[in-house]
C-alpha cells in the first residue's frame, strides 16, 4: 500500500497564511491569506472537490485577512475570526454558509 503524496489540481490563487476547512460535504474551503510573496492580503475563497481534484472560486469574505482561524460549526457553516489585515489586527468575524455560498458578518 502506497501512503505517499500525490499531486492534485492547483488553486486559482497562490496564497500563504490561509486556512483550510473540511466541510460536511467533504469539500475543502480555503480562505484568505497573503498572495504568494506577501504582496497583498486576500479576501478570496476557493472550494476544493477531492472527488474531481478541482478548485472553484466562491464568494470572497467581507474582509481581507491572513493568519486568521476557521472552524466548521455543527450547522455546517464556517466561522472565520480575527487575523490580520494589511494594516491592523482584525476583531471581525464572519460566517460562510456552504448551501448559499454567502458570507455574513457576525460582529467585532
N, C-alpha and C. Protein backbone atom coordinates (compact mmCIF):
# COMPACT_ATOMS: atom_id res chain seq x y z
N UNK A 1 0.85 -1.17 0.00
CA UNK A 1 0.00 0.00 0.00
C UNK A 1 0.90 1.24 0.00
N UNK A 2 0.64 2.12 -0.93
CA UNK A 2 1.40 3.37 -1.04
C UNK A 2 0.74 4.44 -0.18
N UNK A 3 1.48 5.00 0.74
CA UNK A 3 0.94 6.02 1.63
C UNK A 3 1.59 7.37 1.40
N UNK A 4 2.03 7.65 0.19
CA UNK A 4 2.74 8.89 -0.13
C UNK A 4 1.80 9.99 -0.58
N UNK A 5 2.40 11.04 -1.03
CA UNK A 5 1.68 12.22 -1.51
C UNK A 5 1.43 12.09 -3.00
N UNK A 6 0.31 12.63 -3.47
CA UNK A 6 0.04 12.71 -4.90
C UNK A 6 -0.33 14.15 -5.24
N UNK A 7 -0.02 14.54 -6.46
CA UNK A 7 -0.33 15.89 -6.92
C UNK A 7 -1.79 15.94 -7.35
N UNK A 8 -2.45 17.06 -7.06
CA UNK A 8 -3.84 17.26 -7.46
C UNK A 8 -3.94 18.61 -8.15
N UNK A 9 -5.14 19.06 -8.43
CA UNK A 9 -5.33 20.35 -9.09
C UNK A 9 -4.75 21.50 -8.30
N UNK A 10 -4.40 22.57 -8.99
CA UNK A 10 -3.83 23.76 -8.35
C UNK A 10 -4.91 24.77 -8.01
N UNK A 11 -4.70 25.49 -6.90
CA UNK A 11 -5.62 26.57 -6.55
C UNK A 11 -5.57 27.65 -7.62
N UNK A 12 -6.59 28.49 -7.66
CA UNK A 12 -6.64 29.59 -8.60
C UNK A 12 -5.72 30.74 -8.20
N UNK A 13 -5.50 30.89 -6.88
CA UNK A 13 -4.63 31.94 -6.36
C UNK A 13 -3.56 31.31 -5.48
N UNK A 14 -2.31 31.65 -5.73
CA UNK A 14 -1.24 31.23 -4.82
C UNK A 14 -1.41 32.02 -3.53
N UNK A 15 -1.30 31.36 -2.40
CA UNK A 15 -1.54 32.03 -1.12
C UNK A 15 -0.73 31.39 0.00
N UNK A 16 -0.52 32.18 1.05
CA UNK A 16 0.14 31.70 2.26
C UNK A 16 -0.58 32.32 3.45
N UNK A 17 -0.44 31.72 4.62
CA UNK A 17 -1.10 32.17 5.85
C UNK A 17 -2.63 32.16 5.71
N UNK A 18 -3.16 31.17 5.01
CA UNK A 18 -4.60 30.99 4.82
C UNK A 18 -5.10 29.88 5.75
N UNK A 19 -6.39 29.58 5.67
CA UNK A 19 -6.93 28.43 6.39
C UNK A 19 -7.57 27.47 5.39
N UNK A 20 -7.68 26.21 5.79
CA UNK A 20 -8.36 25.19 5.01
C UNK A 20 -9.28 24.43 5.96
N UNK A 21 -10.57 24.36 5.60
CA UNK A 21 -11.57 23.73 6.47
C UNK A 21 -12.32 22.65 5.69
N UNK A 22 -12.39 21.45 6.26
CA UNK A 22 -13.14 20.36 5.63
C UNK A 22 -14.62 20.55 5.96
N UNK A 23 -15.44 20.74 4.93
CA UNK A 23 -16.88 20.92 5.10
C UNK A 23 -17.57 19.57 5.31
N UNK A 24 -18.81 19.61 5.76
CA UNK A 24 -19.55 18.37 5.99
C UNK A 24 -19.75 17.58 4.69
N UNK A 25 -19.67 18.26 3.54
CA UNK A 25 -19.79 17.60 2.24
C UNK A 25 -18.52 16.85 1.85
N UNK A 26 -17.42 17.10 2.59
CA UNK A 26 -16.13 16.52 2.25
C UNK A 26 -15.27 17.45 1.41
N UNK A 27 -15.87 18.53 0.90
CA UNK A 27 -15.10 19.52 0.15
C UNK A 27 -14.29 20.36 1.14
N UNK A 28 -13.28 21.06 0.63
CA UNK A 28 -12.39 21.86 1.47
C UNK A 28 -12.50 23.33 1.08
N UNK A 29 -12.81 24.18 2.06
CA UNK A 29 -12.90 25.62 1.85
C UNK A 29 -11.58 26.26 2.27
N UNK A 30 -10.93 26.96 1.35
CA UNK A 30 -9.69 27.69 1.63
C UNK A 30 -10.02 29.17 1.61
N UNK A 31 -9.61 29.88 2.68
CA UNK A 31 -9.97 31.29 2.82
C UNK A 31 -8.76 32.16 3.10
N UNK A 32 -8.79 33.35 2.49
CA UNK A 32 -7.85 34.42 2.81
C UNK A 32 -6.40 34.07 2.61
N UNK A 33 -5.57 34.72 3.43
CA UNK A 33 -4.13 34.57 3.36
C UNK A 33 -3.48 35.74 2.65
N UNK A 34 -2.20 35.59 2.41
CA UNK A 34 -1.45 36.57 1.63
C UNK A 34 -1.25 36.00 0.24
N UNK A 35 -1.32 36.87 -0.75
CA UNK A 35 -0.94 36.49 -2.10
C UNK A 35 0.51 36.01 -2.02
N UNK A 36 0.86 34.99 -2.76
CA UNK A 36 2.21 34.42 -2.67
C UNK A 36 3.26 35.52 -2.75
N UNK A 37 4.20 35.48 -1.84
CA UNK A 37 5.22 36.50 -1.76
C UNK A 37 4.83 37.65 -0.86
N UNK A 38 3.63 37.60 -0.26
CA UNK A 38 3.19 38.62 0.68
C UNK A 38 2.83 39.94 0.04
N UNK A 39 2.47 39.94 -1.26
CA UNK A 39 2.18 41.19 -1.96
C UNK A 39 0.93 41.88 -1.43
N UNK A 40 -0.12 41.13 -1.12
CA UNK A 40 -1.34 41.73 -0.60
C UNK A 40 -2.16 40.70 0.15
N UNK A 41 -2.98 41.20 1.05
CA UNK A 41 -3.87 40.36 1.85
C UNK A 41 -5.09 39.99 1.00
N UNK A 42 -5.57 38.76 1.12
CA UNK A 42 -6.67 38.27 0.28
C UNK A 42 -7.97 38.12 1.05
N UNK A 43 -9.08 38.40 0.38
CA UNK A 43 -10.40 38.06 0.93
C UNK A 43 -11.01 36.89 0.16
N UNK A 44 -10.30 36.40 -0.84
CA UNK A 44 -10.85 35.37 -1.72
C UNK A 44 -10.97 34.02 -1.02
N UNK A 45 -11.87 33.20 -1.57
CA UNK A 45 -12.13 31.85 -1.06
C UNK A 45 -12.22 30.90 -2.25
N UNK A 46 -11.78 29.67 -2.03
CA UNK A 46 -11.85 28.64 -3.05
C UNK A 46 -12.33 27.35 -2.43
N UNK A 47 -13.01 26.55 -3.22
CA UNK A 47 -13.55 25.28 -2.75
C UNK A 47 -12.89 24.15 -3.54
N UNK A 48 -12.30 23.21 -2.81
CA UNK A 48 -11.65 22.05 -3.42
C UNK A 48 -12.58 20.85 -3.35
N UNK A 49 -12.74 20.17 -4.47
CA UNK A 49 -13.55 18.95 -4.52
C UNK A 49 -12.61 17.76 -4.67
N UNK A 50 -12.42 16.97 -3.60
CA UNK A 50 -11.48 15.85 -3.69
C UNK A 50 -11.92 14.76 -4.67
N UNK A 51 -13.19 14.71 -5.01
CA UNK A 51 -13.65 13.68 -5.94
C UNK A 51 -13.23 13.98 -7.38
N UNK A 52 -12.98 15.27 -7.68
CA UNK A 52 -12.57 15.66 -9.03
C UNK A 52 -11.17 16.26 -9.07
N UNK A 53 -10.63 16.62 -7.90
CA UNK A 53 -9.32 17.27 -7.86
C UNK A 53 -9.34 18.69 -8.37
N UNK A 54 -10.53 19.29 -8.40
CA UNK A 54 -10.64 20.64 -8.98
C UNK A 54 -10.97 21.70 -7.93
N UNK A 55 -10.60 22.93 -8.24
CA UNK A 55 -10.84 24.09 -7.39
C UNK A 55 -11.84 25.01 -8.05
N UNK A 56 -12.75 25.57 -7.26
CA UNK A 56 -13.75 26.52 -7.74
C UNK A 56 -13.67 27.78 -6.90
N UNK A 57 -13.64 28.93 -7.56
CA UNK A 57 -13.67 30.20 -6.83
C UNK A 57 -15.09 30.40 -6.32
N UNK A 58 -15.23 30.71 -5.04
CA UNK A 58 -16.53 31.01 -4.44
C UNK A 58 -16.50 32.45 -3.94
N UNK A 59 -17.63 32.93 -3.43
CA UNK A 59 -17.68 34.31 -2.93
C UNK A 59 -16.57 34.57 -1.93
N UNK A 60 -16.00 35.76 -2.01
CA UNK A 60 -14.94 36.15 -1.08
C UNK A 60 -15.51 36.61 0.25
N UNK A 61 -14.66 36.59 1.26
CA UNK A 61 -15.04 37.10 2.58
C UNK A 61 -15.27 38.61 2.50
N UNK A 62 -15.92 39.16 3.51
CA UNK A 62 -16.17 40.59 3.56
C UNK A 62 -14.91 41.38 3.88
N UNK A 63 -13.94 40.72 4.55
CA UNK A 63 -12.69 41.37 4.93
C UNK A 63 -11.51 40.54 4.44
N UNK A 64 -10.53 41.20 3.86
CA UNK A 64 -9.27 40.53 3.53
C UNK A 64 -8.56 40.23 4.84
N UNK A 65 -8.05 39.01 4.99
CA UNK A 65 -7.40 38.64 6.25
C UNK A 65 -6.41 37.50 6.02
N UNK A 66 -5.42 37.45 6.89
CA UNK A 66 -4.48 36.33 6.91
C UNK A 66 -4.20 36.02 8.37
N UNK A 67 -3.61 34.86 8.62
CA UNK A 67 -3.31 34.40 9.99
C UNK A 67 -4.57 34.38 10.86
N UNK A 68 -5.70 34.08 10.26
CA UNK A 68 -6.98 34.00 10.96
C UNK A 68 -7.25 32.56 11.37
N UNK A 69 -8.38 32.35 12.02
CA UNK A 69 -8.80 31.00 12.36
C UNK A 69 -10.11 30.70 11.64
N UNK A 70 -10.37 29.43 11.43
CA UNK A 70 -11.62 29.00 10.79
C UNK A 70 -12.06 27.69 11.45
N UNK A 71 -13.36 27.58 11.67
CA UNK A 71 -13.91 26.41 12.34
C UNK A 71 -15.23 26.04 11.68
N UNK A 72 -15.40 24.75 11.37
CA UNK A 72 -16.68 24.27 10.85
C UNK A 72 -17.59 24.00 12.04
N UNK A 73 -18.74 24.69 12.07
CA UNK A 73 -19.70 24.53 13.15
C UNK A 73 -20.59 23.31 12.91
N UNK A 74 -21.30 22.87 13.93
CA UNK A 74 -22.19 21.71 13.77
C UNK A 74 -23.29 21.97 12.75
N UNK A 75 -23.60 23.23 12.49
CA UNK A 75 -24.60 23.60 11.48
C UNK A 75 -24.06 23.41 10.06
N UNK A 76 -22.73 23.21 9.94
CA UNK A 76 -22.10 23.10 8.64
C UNK A 76 -21.53 24.42 8.15
N UNK A 77 -21.90 25.52 8.81
CA UNK A 77 -21.35 26.83 8.45
C UNK A 77 -19.90 26.91 8.93
N UNK A 78 -19.14 27.81 8.31
CA UNK A 78 -17.74 28.01 8.70
C UNK A 78 -17.61 29.38 9.35
N UNK A 79 -17.09 29.40 10.57
CA UNK A 79 -16.85 30.64 11.30
C UNK A 79 -15.38 31.03 11.12
N UNK A 80 -15.16 32.22 10.57
CA UNK A 80 -13.80 32.75 10.38
C UNK A 80 -13.66 33.95 11.29
N UNK A 81 -12.58 33.98 12.08
CA UNK A 81 -12.42 35.05 13.07
C UNK A 81 -11.01 35.63 13.05
N UNK A 82 -10.94 36.91 13.39
CA UNK A 82 -9.67 37.58 13.64
C UNK A 82 -8.71 37.58 12.49
N UNK A 83 -7.43 37.55 12.84
CA UNK A 83 -6.36 37.60 11.86
C UNK A 83 -5.84 39.01 11.69
N UNK A 84 -5.12 39.18 10.61
CA UNK A 84 -4.51 40.47 10.30
C UNK A 84 -4.96 40.95 8.94
N UNK A 85 -5.17 42.26 8.82
CA UNK A 85 -5.34 42.88 7.51
C UNK A 85 -3.96 43.39 7.11
N UNK A 86 -3.88 44.15 6.03
CA UNK A 86 -2.59 44.69 5.63
C UNK A 86 -2.08 45.74 6.61
N UNK A 87 -3.01 46.32 7.41
CA UNK A 87 -2.59 47.43 8.28
C UNK A 87 -2.90 47.24 9.76
N UNK A 88 -3.71 46.24 10.13
CA UNK A 88 -4.07 46.13 11.55
C UNK A 88 -4.55 44.72 11.89
N UNK A 89 -4.70 44.49 13.20
CA UNK A 89 -5.31 43.25 13.68
C UNK A 89 -6.82 43.38 13.51
N UNK A 90 -7.47 42.27 13.19
CA UNK A 90 -8.92 42.28 12.97
C UNK A 90 -9.64 41.67 14.16
N UNK A 91 -10.74 42.29 14.56
CA UNK A 91 -11.61 41.73 15.59
C UNK A 91 -12.88 41.18 14.96
N UNK A 92 -13.04 41.33 13.67
CA UNK A 92 -14.27 40.92 12.99
C UNK A 92 -14.35 39.40 12.86
N UNK A 93 -15.58 38.93 12.70
CA UNK A 93 -15.86 37.51 12.47
C UNK A 93 -16.93 37.42 11.40
N UNK A 94 -16.89 36.37 10.62
CA UNK A 94 -17.90 36.17 9.59
C UNK A 94 -18.19 34.69 9.41
N UNK A 95 -19.40 34.41 8.92
CA UNK A 95 -19.87 33.04 8.71
C UNK A 95 -20.04 32.77 7.23
N UNK A 96 -19.57 31.60 6.79
CA UNK A 96 -19.79 31.16 5.42
C UNK A 96 -20.83 30.06 5.45
N UNK A 97 -21.87 30.21 4.62
CA UNK A 97 -22.91 29.19 4.51
C UNK A 97 -22.67 28.42 3.22
N UNK A 98 -22.23 27.16 3.29
CA UNK A 98 -21.93 26.42 2.08
C UNK A 98 -23.15 26.10 1.22
N UNK A 99 -24.35 26.17 1.78
CA UNK A 99 -25.54 25.91 0.96
C UNK A 99 -25.90 27.10 0.08
N UNK A 100 -25.57 28.31 0.53
CA UNK A 100 -25.87 29.51 -0.26
C UNK A 100 -24.62 30.16 -0.85
N UNK A 101 -23.46 29.85 -0.28
CA UNK A 101 -22.21 30.47 -0.73
C UNK A 101 -22.05 31.90 -0.26
N UNK A 102 -22.83 32.30 0.74
CA UNK A 102 -22.84 33.69 1.21
C UNK A 102 -22.08 33.83 2.52
N UNK A 103 -21.29 34.92 2.61
CA UNK A 103 -20.60 35.31 3.84
C UNK A 103 -21.43 36.34 4.57
N UNK A 104 -21.58 36.20 5.89
CA UNK A 104 -22.34 37.13 6.72
C UNK A 104 -21.47 37.59 7.88
N UNK A 105 -21.40 38.91 8.09
CA UNK A 105 -20.67 39.44 9.24
C UNK A 105 -21.39 39.03 10.52
N UNK A 106 -20.64 38.66 11.54
CA UNK A 106 -21.25 38.24 12.81
C UNK A 106 -20.89 39.14 13.97
N UNK A 107 -20.02 40.09 13.78
CA UNK A 107 -19.68 41.01 14.88
C UNK A 107 -18.23 41.36 14.90
N UNK A 108 -17.88 42.21 15.89
CA UNK A 108 -16.49 42.68 16.06
C UNK A 108 -16.07 42.45 17.48
